[in-house]
């Protein structure tokens, strides 16, 4: 079952909202193969397992921005309920309230997607740091390189001067 869902599909559904990497209830429900309503029912029945740092409800403004960004609803339709956003810990907690083989497999896949995302971000940070170091090393060389070019130009000018002829002149 886990091989049926590509890791990229999961990674593309991880969003940065309120400074946290989260997945929305509708995306998680689609991955778990359950209706969003049923997923949210299980969360409400186990409210104590989902503190604010595990899950939060989007504001109307955030939901409106997501809707305009993804154009999920047809014009004239409105959402009835504000979406829930689950952090990595909240998604891990979902596996304890959704008791199915698919839920376990999907949870493993989602955790791997979060790990891969962290690795990619760490790589980008490493590359950015190395680029800054290289930039600081090369910055001092600009003036040195310009001085070398000036010296070369001066030597070329000296070579261009007509040379005095040697020997007997009539």
N, C-alpha and C. Protein backbone atom coordinates (compact mmCIF):
# COMPACT_ATOMS: atom_id res chain seq x y z
N UNK A 1 0.84 -1.20 0.00
CA UNK A 1 0.00 0.00 0.00
C UNK A 1 0.87 1.25 0.00
N UNK A 2 1.97 1.22 0.75
CA UNK A 2 2.80 2.42 0.90
C UNK A 2 3.49 2.79 -0.41
N UNK A 3 3.77 1.79 -1.28
CA UNK A 3 4.43 2.09 -2.55
C UNK A 3 3.50 2.77 -3.54
N UNK A 4 2.20 2.73 -3.30
CA UNK A 4 1.24 3.30 -4.23
C UNK A 4 1.24 4.83 -4.20
N UNK A 5 1.72 5.43 -3.13
CA UNK A 5 1.73 6.88 -2.99
C UNK A 5 3.16 7.38 -3.12
N UNK A 6 3.46 8.16 -4.17
CA UNK A 6 4.84 8.67 -4.31
C UNK A 6 5.18 9.67 -3.21
N UNK A 7 6.43 9.65 -2.78
CA UNK A 7 6.89 10.55 -1.72
C UNK A 7 6.72 12.01 -2.13
N UNK A 8 6.90 12.30 -3.42
CA UNK A 8 6.76 13.67 -3.90
C UNK A 8 5.34 14.19 -3.71
N UNK A 9 4.37 13.29 -3.85
CA UNK A 9 2.97 13.68 -3.66
C UNK A 9 2.74 14.15 -2.22
N UNK A 10 3.36 13.47 -1.29
CA UNK A 10 3.23 13.86 0.12
C UNK A 10 3.98 15.17 0.35
N UNK A 11 5.20 15.26 -0.17
CA UNK A 11 6.01 16.47 0.04
C UNK A 11 5.37 17.72 -0.52
N UNK A 12 4.63 17.57 -1.62
CA UNK A 12 3.99 18.74 -2.22
C UNK A 12 2.80 19.24 -1.40
N UNK A 13 2.38 18.45 -0.43
CA UNK A 13 1.24 18.85 0.40
C UNK A 13 1.66 19.37 1.77
N UNK A 14 2.95 19.57 1.96
CA UNK A 14 3.44 20.16 3.20
C UNK A 14 3.58 21.65 2.97
N UNK A 15 2.91 22.43 3.80
CA UNK A 15 2.88 23.89 3.65
C UNK A 15 3.51 24.56 4.87
N UNK A 16 3.93 25.79 4.67
CA UNK A 16 4.45 26.61 5.76
C UNK A 16 3.36 27.61 6.14
N UNK A 17 2.74 27.37 7.28
CA UNK A 17 1.67 28.25 7.78
C UNK A 17 2.01 28.62 9.21
N UNK A 18 1.96 29.90 9.50
CA UNK A 18 2.30 30.43 10.83
C UNK A 18 3.70 29.99 11.26
N UNK A 19 4.60 29.89 10.30
CA UNK A 19 5.98 29.54 10.60
C UNK A 19 6.19 28.07 10.91
N UNK A 20 5.20 27.22 10.65
CA UNK A 20 5.31 25.79 10.92
C UNK A 20 5.02 25.00 9.65
N UNK A 21 5.73 23.89 9.49
CA UNK A 21 5.45 23.00 8.38
C UNK A 21 4.25 22.12 8.77
N UNK A 22 3.19 22.22 7.98
CA UNK A 22 1.95 21.52 8.32
C UNK A 22 1.35 20.85 7.08
N UNK A 23 0.41 19.95 7.35
CA UNK A 23 -0.43 19.36 6.30
C UNK A 23 -1.88 19.62 6.70
N UNK A 24 -2.70 19.86 5.70
CA UNK A 24 -4.11 20.17 5.95
C UNK A 24 -4.94 18.90 6.08
N UNK A 25 -6.05 19.03 6.80
CA UNK A 25 -6.91 17.87 7.05
C UNK A 25 -7.41 17.23 5.77
N UNK A 26 -7.76 18.01 4.76
CA UNK A 26 -8.29 17.43 3.52
C UNK A 26 -7.22 16.61 2.79
N UNK A 27 -5.97 17.07 2.84
CA UNK A 27 -4.89 16.33 2.20
C UNK A 27 -4.58 15.04 2.95
N UNK A 28 -4.57 15.13 4.27
CA UNK A 28 -4.33 13.93 5.08
C UNK A 28 -5.45 12.90 4.88
N UNK A 29 -6.70 13.38 4.85
CA UNK A 29 -7.83 12.48 4.66
C UNK A 29 -7.72 11.78 3.31
N UNK A 30 -7.31 12.51 2.28
CA UNK A 30 -7.15 11.91 0.95
C UNK A 30 -6.07 10.83 0.98
N UNK A 31 -4.97 11.10 1.66
CA UNK A 31 -3.89 10.11 1.75
C UNK A 31 -4.31 8.88 2.55
N UNK A 32 -5.06 9.12 3.63
CA UNK A 32 -5.52 8.00 4.46
C UNK A 32 -6.69 7.25 3.83
N UNK A 33 -7.31 7.85 2.82
CA UNK A 33 -8.43 7.19 2.17
C UNK A 33 -9.72 7.25 2.96
N UNK A 34 -9.89 8.34 3.73
CA UNK A 34 -11.12 8.53 4.50
C UNK A 34 -11.68 9.91 4.18
N UNK A 35 -12.99 10.12 4.39
CA UNK A 35 -13.54 11.47 4.19
C UNK A 35 -12.97 12.43 5.24
N UNK A 36 -12.79 13.68 4.85
CA UNK A 36 -12.27 14.69 5.77
C UNK A 36 -13.11 14.78 7.03
N UNK A 37 -14.41 14.67 6.87
CA UNK A 37 -15.33 14.72 8.00
C UNK A 37 -15.02 13.64 9.03
N UNK A 38 -14.73 12.43 8.57
CA UNK A 38 -14.42 11.32 9.48
C UNK A 38 -13.09 11.54 10.19
N UNK A 39 -12.11 12.04 9.47
CA UNK A 39 -10.81 12.34 10.10
C UNK A 39 -10.99 13.37 11.20
N UNK A 40 -11.73 14.44 10.91
CA UNK A 40 -11.95 15.50 11.90
C UNK A 40 -12.78 15.01 13.08
N UNK A 41 -13.70 14.07 12.85
CA UNK A 41 -14.47 13.48 13.95
C UNK A 41 -13.55 12.76 14.92
N UNK A 42 -12.62 11.99 14.38
CA UNK A 42 -11.67 11.26 15.24
C UNK A 42 -10.80 12.23 16.04
N UNK A 43 -10.41 13.32 15.41
CA UNK A 43 -9.59 14.32 16.11
C UNK A 43 -10.40 14.95 17.23
N UNK A 44 -11.66 15.29 16.96
CA UNK A 44 -12.51 15.90 18.00
C UNK A 44 -12.78 14.93 19.15
N UNK A 45 -12.92 13.66 18.84
CA UNK A 45 -13.14 12.66 19.90
C UNK A 45 -11.90 12.47 20.77
N UNK A 46 -10.75 12.79 20.23
CA UNK A 46 -9.49 12.64 20.96
C UNK A 46 -8.79 13.99 21.10
N UNK A 47 -9.54 15.00 21.44
CA UNK A 47 -9.04 16.39 21.49
C UNK A 47 -7.79 16.54 22.37
N UNK A 48 -7.74 15.78 23.44
CA UNK A 48 -6.61 15.90 24.38
C UNK A 48 -5.29 15.49 23.73
N UNK A 49 -5.32 14.64 22.71
CA UNK A 49 -4.12 14.19 22.04
C UNK A 49 -3.55 15.23 21.07
N UNK A 50 -4.30 16.31 20.83
CA UNK A 50 -3.91 17.30 19.83
C UNK A 50 -3.84 18.70 20.42
N UNK A 51 -2.77 18.99 21.20
CA UNK A 51 -2.62 20.35 21.71
C UNK A 51 -2.30 21.32 20.56
N UNK A 52 -2.22 22.60 20.85
CA UNK A 52 -2.05 23.63 19.82
C UNK A 52 -0.76 23.47 19.02
N UNK A 53 0.28 22.90 19.62
CA UNK A 53 1.52 22.74 18.86
C UNK A 53 1.48 21.49 17.97
N UNK A 54 0.42 20.69 18.07
CA UNK A 54 0.24 19.52 17.21
C UNK A 54 -0.75 19.81 16.08
N UNK A 55 -1.72 20.68 16.36
CA UNK A 55 -2.78 20.95 15.40
C UNK A 55 -3.40 22.30 15.72
N UNK A 56 -3.78 23.04 14.68
CA UNK A 56 -4.51 24.28 14.89
C UNK A 56 -5.49 24.48 13.75
N UNK A 57 -6.49 25.31 14.02
CA UNK A 57 -7.49 25.59 12.99
C UNK A 57 -7.09 26.88 12.29
N UNK A 58 -7.19 26.89 10.97
CA UNK A 58 -6.86 28.08 10.20
C UNK A 58 -7.90 29.17 10.45
N UNK A 59 -7.49 30.41 10.32
CA UNK A 59 -8.44 31.52 10.41
C UNK A 59 -9.16 31.64 9.07
N UNK A 60 -10.23 32.44 9.04
CA UNK A 60 -10.96 32.63 7.78
C UNK A 60 -10.05 33.27 6.74
N UNK A 61 -9.21 34.19 7.17
CA UNK A 61 -8.29 34.86 6.24
C UNK A 61 -7.28 33.87 5.64
N UNK A 62 -6.73 32.99 6.48
CA UNK A 62 -5.79 31.98 5.99
C UNK A 62 -6.48 31.01 5.02
N UNK A 63 -7.71 30.62 5.37
CA UNK A 63 -8.46 29.71 4.50
C UNK A 63 -8.76 30.38 3.17
N UNK A 64 -9.08 31.66 3.23
CA UNK A 64 -9.37 32.42 2.00
C UNK A 64 -8.12 32.51 1.12
N UNK A 65 -6.97 32.74 1.74
CA UNK A 65 -5.72 32.80 0.98
C UNK A 65 -5.40 31.45 0.35
N UNK A 66 -5.60 30.37 1.09
CA UNK A 66 -5.36 29.03 0.53
C UNK A 66 -6.32 28.75 -0.62
N UNK A 67 -7.55 29.14 -0.45
CA UNK A 67 -8.54 28.90 -1.50
C UNK A 67 -8.15 29.64 -2.77
N UNK A 68 -7.75 30.91 -2.64
CA UNK A 68 -7.38 31.67 -3.84
C UNK A 68 -6.08 31.14 -4.43
N UNK A 69 -5.21 30.60 -3.58
CA UNK A 69 -3.94 30.07 -4.06
C UNK A 69 -4.13 28.77 -4.84
N UNK A 70 -5.01 27.92 -4.37
CA UNK A 70 -5.19 26.61 -5.00
C UNK A 70 -6.46 26.51 -5.84
N UNK A 71 -7.34 27.49 -5.73
CA UNK A 71 -8.59 27.50 -6.48
C UNK A 71 -9.32 26.16 -6.35
N UNK A 72 -9.51 25.72 -5.10
CA UNK A 72 -10.11 24.41 -4.86
C UNK A 72 -11.62 24.41 -5.04
N UNK A 73 -12.26 25.55 -4.86
CA UNK A 73 -13.71 25.60 -4.99
C UNK A 73 -14.10 26.36 -6.26
N UNK A 74 -15.24 25.98 -6.82
CA UNK A 74 -15.75 26.69 -7.98
C UNK A 74 -16.29 28.05 -7.53
N UNK A 75 -16.30 29.04 -8.43
CA UNK A 75 -16.85 30.35 -8.06
C UNK A 75 -18.28 30.21 -7.54
N UNK A 76 -18.57 30.94 -6.47
CA UNK A 76 -19.89 30.90 -5.87
C UNK A 76 -20.01 29.91 -4.74
N UNK A 77 -19.06 28.97 -4.61
CA UNK A 77 -19.10 28.02 -3.52
C UNK A 77 -18.25 28.54 -2.36
N UNK A 78 -18.62 28.15 -1.17
CA UNK A 78 -17.90 28.61 0.01
C UNK A 78 -17.58 27.41 0.90
N UNK A 79 -16.52 27.56 1.68
CA UNK A 79 -16.22 26.48 2.63
C UNK A 79 -17.12 26.65 3.85
N UNK A 80 -17.54 25.53 4.42
CA UNK A 80 -18.42 25.57 5.59
C UNK A 80 -17.63 25.57 6.88
N UNK A 81 -16.49 24.84 6.86
CA UNK A 81 -15.71 24.68 8.08
C UNK A 81 -14.27 25.11 7.81
N UNK A 82 -13.66 25.68 8.81
CA UNK A 82 -12.26 26.06 8.67
C UNK A 82 -11.38 24.82 8.70
N UNK A 83 -10.39 24.74 7.82
CA UNK A 83 -9.52 23.55 7.79
C UNK A 83 -8.65 23.45 9.03
N UNK A 84 -8.27 22.23 9.35
CA UNK A 84 -7.32 21.98 10.43
C UNK A 84 -5.94 21.78 9.82
N UNK A 85 -4.93 22.30 10.48
CA UNK A 85 -3.55 22.13 10.03
C UNK A 85 -2.81 21.31 11.08
N UNK A 86 -2.15 20.23 10.64
CA UNK A 86 -1.45 19.32 11.55
C UNK A 86 0.05 19.47 11.37
N UNK A 87 0.76 19.66 12.48
CA UNK A 87 2.22 19.68 12.45
C UNK A 87 2.72 18.25 12.37
N UNK A 88 4.02 18.09 12.27
CA UNK A 88 4.59 16.74 12.19
C UNK A 88 4.19 15.89 13.40
N UNK A 89 4.20 16.49 14.59
CA UNK A 89 3.81 15.75 15.79
C UNK A 89 2.33 15.39 15.75
N UNK A 90 1.51 16.29 15.23
CA UNK A 90 0.08 16.01 15.12
C UNK A 90 -0.21 14.88 14.16
N UNK A 91 0.56 14.84 13.07
CA UNK A 91 0.38 13.75 12.09
C UNK A 91 0.79 12.42 12.72
N UNK A 92 1.86 12.44 13.50
CA UNK A 92 2.28 11.22 14.19
C UNK A 92 1.19 10.78 15.18
N UNK A 93 0.55 11.73 15.82
CA UNK A 93 -0.52 11.40 16.77
C UNK A 93 -1.75 10.85 16.05
N UNK A 94 -1.96 11.24 14.81
CA UNK A 94 -3.10 10.70 14.05
C UNK A 94 -3.04 9.19 13.93
N UNK A 95 -1.83 8.65 13.87
CA UNK A 95 -1.71 7.19 13.74
C UNK A 95 -2.28 6.47 14.95
N UNK A 96 -2.34 7.15 16.09
CA UNK A 96 -2.90 6.51 17.28
C UNK A 96 -4.42 6.56 17.30
N UNK A 97 -5.02 7.49 16.55
CA UNK A 97 -6.49 7.57 16.55
C UNK A 97 -7.10 6.95 15.30
N UNK A 98 -6.29 6.76 14.26
CA UNK A 98 -6.77 6.09 13.05
C UNK A 98 -6.15 4.70 13.03
N UNK A 99 -6.92 3.72 13.37
CA UNK A 99 -6.41 2.35 13.50
C UNK A 99 -6.71 1.52 12.26
N UNK A 100 -5.86 1.68 11.25
CA UNK A 100 -5.98 0.84 10.06
C UNK A 100 -4.58 0.62 9.50
N UNK A 101 -4.46 -0.43 8.72
CA UNK A 101 -3.16 -0.72 8.09
C UNK A 101 -2.74 0.43 7.18
N UNK A 102 -3.68 0.97 6.43
CA UNK A 102 -3.37 2.08 5.52
C UNK A 102 -2.88 3.30 6.32
N UNK A 103 -3.52 3.59 7.46
CA UNK A 103 -3.12 4.73 8.27
C UNK A 103 -1.68 4.57 8.75
N UNK A 104 -1.30 3.37 9.13
CA UNK A 104 0.07 3.11 9.57
C UNK A 104 1.05 3.32 8.42
N UNK A 105 0.73 2.75 7.26
CA UNK A 105 1.61 2.88 6.09
C UNK A 105 1.76 4.33 5.64
N UNK A 106 0.64 5.03 5.59
CA UNK A 106 0.67 6.44 5.16
C UNK A 106 1.44 7.27 6.17
N UNK A 107 1.26 6.98 7.45
CA UNK A 107 1.98 7.74 8.47
C UNK A 107 3.49 7.58 8.32
N UNK A 108 3.93 6.38 8.05
CA UNK A 108 5.36 6.13 7.83
C UNK A 108 5.85 6.95 6.64
N UNK A 109 5.07 6.96 5.57
CA UNK A 109 5.42 7.71 4.38
C UNK A 109 5.51 9.22 4.67
N UNK A 110 4.55 9.73 5.42
CA UNK A 110 4.54 11.15 5.76
C UNK A 110 5.74 11.52 6.62
N UNK A 111 6.07 10.68 7.59
CA UNK A 111 7.24 10.95 8.44
C UNK A 111 8.51 10.98 7.59
N UNK A 112 8.61 10.09 6.62
CA UNK A 112 9.77 10.09 5.72
C UNK A 112 9.82 11.37 4.89
N UNK A 113 8.66 11.86 4.47
CA UNK A 113 8.61 13.10 3.70
C UNK A 113 9.09 14.28 4.54
N UNK A 114 8.70 14.34 5.81
CA UNK A 114 9.16 15.40 6.69
C UNK A 114 10.67 15.32 6.91
N UNK A 115 11.19 14.11 7.08
CA UNK A 115 12.63 13.93 7.26
C UNK A 115 13.38 14.39 6.01
N UNK A 116 12.87 14.00 4.83
CA UNK A 116 13.50 14.40 3.58
C UNK A 116 13.48 15.92 3.42
N UNK A 117 12.38 16.54 3.79
CA UNK A 117 12.27 18.00 3.72
C UNK A 117 13.30 18.66 4.63
N UNK A 118 13.47 18.13 5.83
CA UNK A 118 14.49 18.67 6.75
C UNK A 118 15.88 18.52 6.16
N UNK A 119 16.16 17.38 5.52
CA UNK A 119 17.47 17.15 4.91
C UNK A 119 17.72 18.14 3.77
N UNK A 120 16.71 18.36 2.95
CA UNK A 120 16.85 19.31 1.84
C UNK A 120 17.11 20.72 2.38
N UNK A 121 16.35 21.11 3.40
CA UNK A 121 16.55 22.45 3.98
C UNK A 121 17.93 22.57 4.60
N UNK A 122 18.42 21.52 5.25
CA UNK A 122 19.76 21.55 5.84
C UNK A 122 20.81 21.66 4.75
N UNK A 123 20.62 20.98 3.63
CA UNK A 123 21.56 21.06 2.51
C UNK A 123 21.60 22.47 1.96
N UNK A 124 20.43 23.09 1.82
CA UNK A 124 20.39 24.46 1.32
C UNK A 124 21.10 25.41 2.27
N UNK A 125 20.94 25.19 3.56
CA UNK A 125 21.62 26.04 4.54
C UNK A 125 23.13 25.86 4.43
N UNK A 126 23.58 24.61 4.27
CA UNK A 126 25.01 24.34 4.11
C UNK A 126 25.56 25.02 2.87
N UNK A 127 24.83 24.91 1.76
CA UNK A 127 25.27 25.54 0.52
C UNK A 127 25.31 27.06 0.65
N UNK A 128 24.32 27.62 1.30
CA UNK A 128 24.30 29.08 1.50
C UNK A 128 25.48 29.52 2.35
N UNK A 129 25.80 28.75 3.39
CA UNK A 129 26.94 29.09 4.24
C UNK A 129 28.25 29.01 3.45
N UNK A 130 28.43 27.96 2.65
CA UNK A 130 29.64 27.82 1.85
C UNK A 130 29.75 28.94 0.83
N UNK A 131 28.63 29.34 0.25
CA UNK A 131 28.64 30.44 -0.70
C UNK A 131 29.06 31.74 -0.02
N UNK A 132 28.56 31.99 1.19
CA UNK A 132 28.95 33.20 1.93
C UNK A 132 30.44 33.19 2.23
N UNK A 133 30.97 32.01 2.62
CA UNK A 133 32.41 31.90 2.90
C UNK A 133 33.23 32.18 1.64
N UNK A 134 32.83 31.61 0.53
CA UNK A 134 33.53 31.83 -0.73
C UNK A 134 33.46 33.29 -1.14
N UNK A 135 32.30 33.89 -0.96
CA UNK A 135 32.11 35.29 -1.29
C UNK A 135 33.03 36.18 -0.46
N UNK A 136 33.18 35.87 0.83
CA UNK A 136 34.05 36.69 1.68
C UNK A 136 35.51 36.51 1.30
N UNK A 137 35.89 35.30 0.88
CA UNK A 137 37.28 35.08 0.45
C UNK A 137 37.59 35.81 -0.86
N UNK A 138 36.67 35.78 -1.78
CA UNK A 138 36.88 36.38 -3.10
C UNK A 138 36.76 37.90 -3.03
N UNK A 139 35.99 38.42 -2.11
CA UNK A 139 35.77 39.86 -2.02
C UNK A 139 37.09 40.62 -1.89
N UNK A 140 38.03 40.12 -1.13
CA UNK A 140 39.32 40.78 -0.97
C UNK A 140 40.19 40.68 -2.21
N UNK A 141 39.91 39.76 -3.08
CA UNK A 141 40.74 39.55 -4.27
C UNK A 141 40.40 40.51 -5.40
N UNK A 142 39.26 41.16 -5.36
CA UNK A 142 38.88 42.08 -6.44
C UNK A 142 39.94 43.14 -6.66
N UNK A 143 40.37 43.77 -5.58
CA UNK A 143 41.37 44.83 -5.72
C UNK A 143 42.71 44.27 -6.20
N UNK A 144 43.05 43.06 -5.75
CA UNK A 144 44.29 42.42 -6.20
C UNK A 144 44.24 42.13 -7.70
N UNK A 145 43.11 41.63 -8.16
CA UNK A 145 42.96 41.31 -9.58
C UNK A 145 43.03 42.58 -10.41
N UNK A 146 42.39 43.65 -9.94
CA UNK A 146 42.45 44.92 -10.67
C UNK A 146 43.88 45.43 -10.75
N UNK A 147 44.64 45.29 -9.68
CA UNK A 147 46.04 45.73 -9.67
C UNK A 147 46.86 44.93 -10.68
N UNK A 148 46.60 43.64 -10.78
CA UNK A 148 47.31 42.79 -11.75
C UNK A 148 46.99 43.26 -13.17
N UNK A 149 45.71 43.53 -13.46
CA UNK A 149 45.34 44.00 -14.79
C UNK A 149 46.00 45.35 -15.12
N UNK A 150 46.08 46.23 -14.13
CA UNK A 150 46.75 47.54 -14.36
C UNK A 150 48.22 47.33 -14.71
N UNK A 151 48.88 46.43 -13.97
CA UNK A 151 50.29 46.16 -14.23
C UNK A 151 50.48 45.57 -15.62
N UNK A 152 49.59 44.68 -16.03
CA UNK A 152 49.68 44.08 -17.36
C UNK A 152 49.48 45.14 -18.43
N UNK A 153 48.49 46.03 -18.23
CA UNK A 153 48.26 47.10 -19.20
C UNK A 153 49.48 48.01 -19.33
N UNK A 154 50.12 48.32 -18.21
CA UNK A 154 51.30 49.19 -18.24
C UNK A 154 52.44 48.51 -19.00
N UNK A 155 52.58 47.19 -18.80
CA UNK A 155 53.64 46.47 -19.52
C UNK A 155 53.34 46.45 -21.02
N UNK A 156 52.07 46.33 -21.39
CA UNK A 156 51.71 46.34 -22.79
C UNK A 156 51.97 47.70 -23.43
N UNK A 157 51.75 48.77 -22.69
CA UNK A 157 52.02 50.12 -23.20
C UNK A 157 53.50 50.31 -23.44
N UNK A 158 54.34 49.79 -22.55
CA UNK A 158 55.78 49.92 -22.71
C UNK A 158 56.25 49.21 -23.97
N UNK A 159 55.65 48.07 -24.26
CA UNK A 159 56.03 47.31 -25.45
C UNK A 159 55.61 48.02 -26.72
N UNK A 160 54.56 48.84 -26.67
CA UNK A 160 54.06 49.52 -27.85
C UNK A 160 54.95 50.70 -28.26
N UNK A 161 55.77 51.25 -27.36
CA UNK A 161 56.63 52.38 -27.70
C UNK A 161 57.62 51.95 -28.79
N UNK A 162 57.86 52.85 -29.77
CA UNK A 162 58.83 52.49 -30.82
C UNK A 162 60.21 52.32 -30.22
N UNK A 163 60.89 51.32 -30.68
CA UNK A 163 62.21 51.03 -30.14
C UNK A 163 63.26 51.83 -30.92
N UNK A 164 64.28 52.24 -30.24
CA UNK A 164 65.37 52.96 -30.87
C UNK A 164 66.17 52.02 -31.73
N UNK A 165 66.51 52.50 -32.90
CA UNK A 165 67.25 51.66 -33.82
C UNK A 165 68.69 51.63 -33.41
N UNK A 166 69.29 50.49 -33.60
CA UNK A 166 70.70 50.30 -33.31
C UNK A 166 71.49 50.37 -34.62
N UNK A 167 72.71 50.69 -34.48
CA UNK A 167 73.57 50.63 -35.65
C UNK A 167 73.84 51.99 -36.28
N UNK A 168 74.49 51.96 -37.45
CA UNK A 168 74.90 53.15 -38.15
C UNK A 168 73.72 53.76 -38.90
N UNK A 169 73.50 55.06 -38.67
CA UNK A 169 72.41 55.74 -39.34
C UNK A 169 72.97 56.76 -40.33
N UNK A 170 72.41 56.88 -41.51
CA UNK A 170 72.89 57.82 -42.53
C UNK A 170 72.08 59.07 -42.46
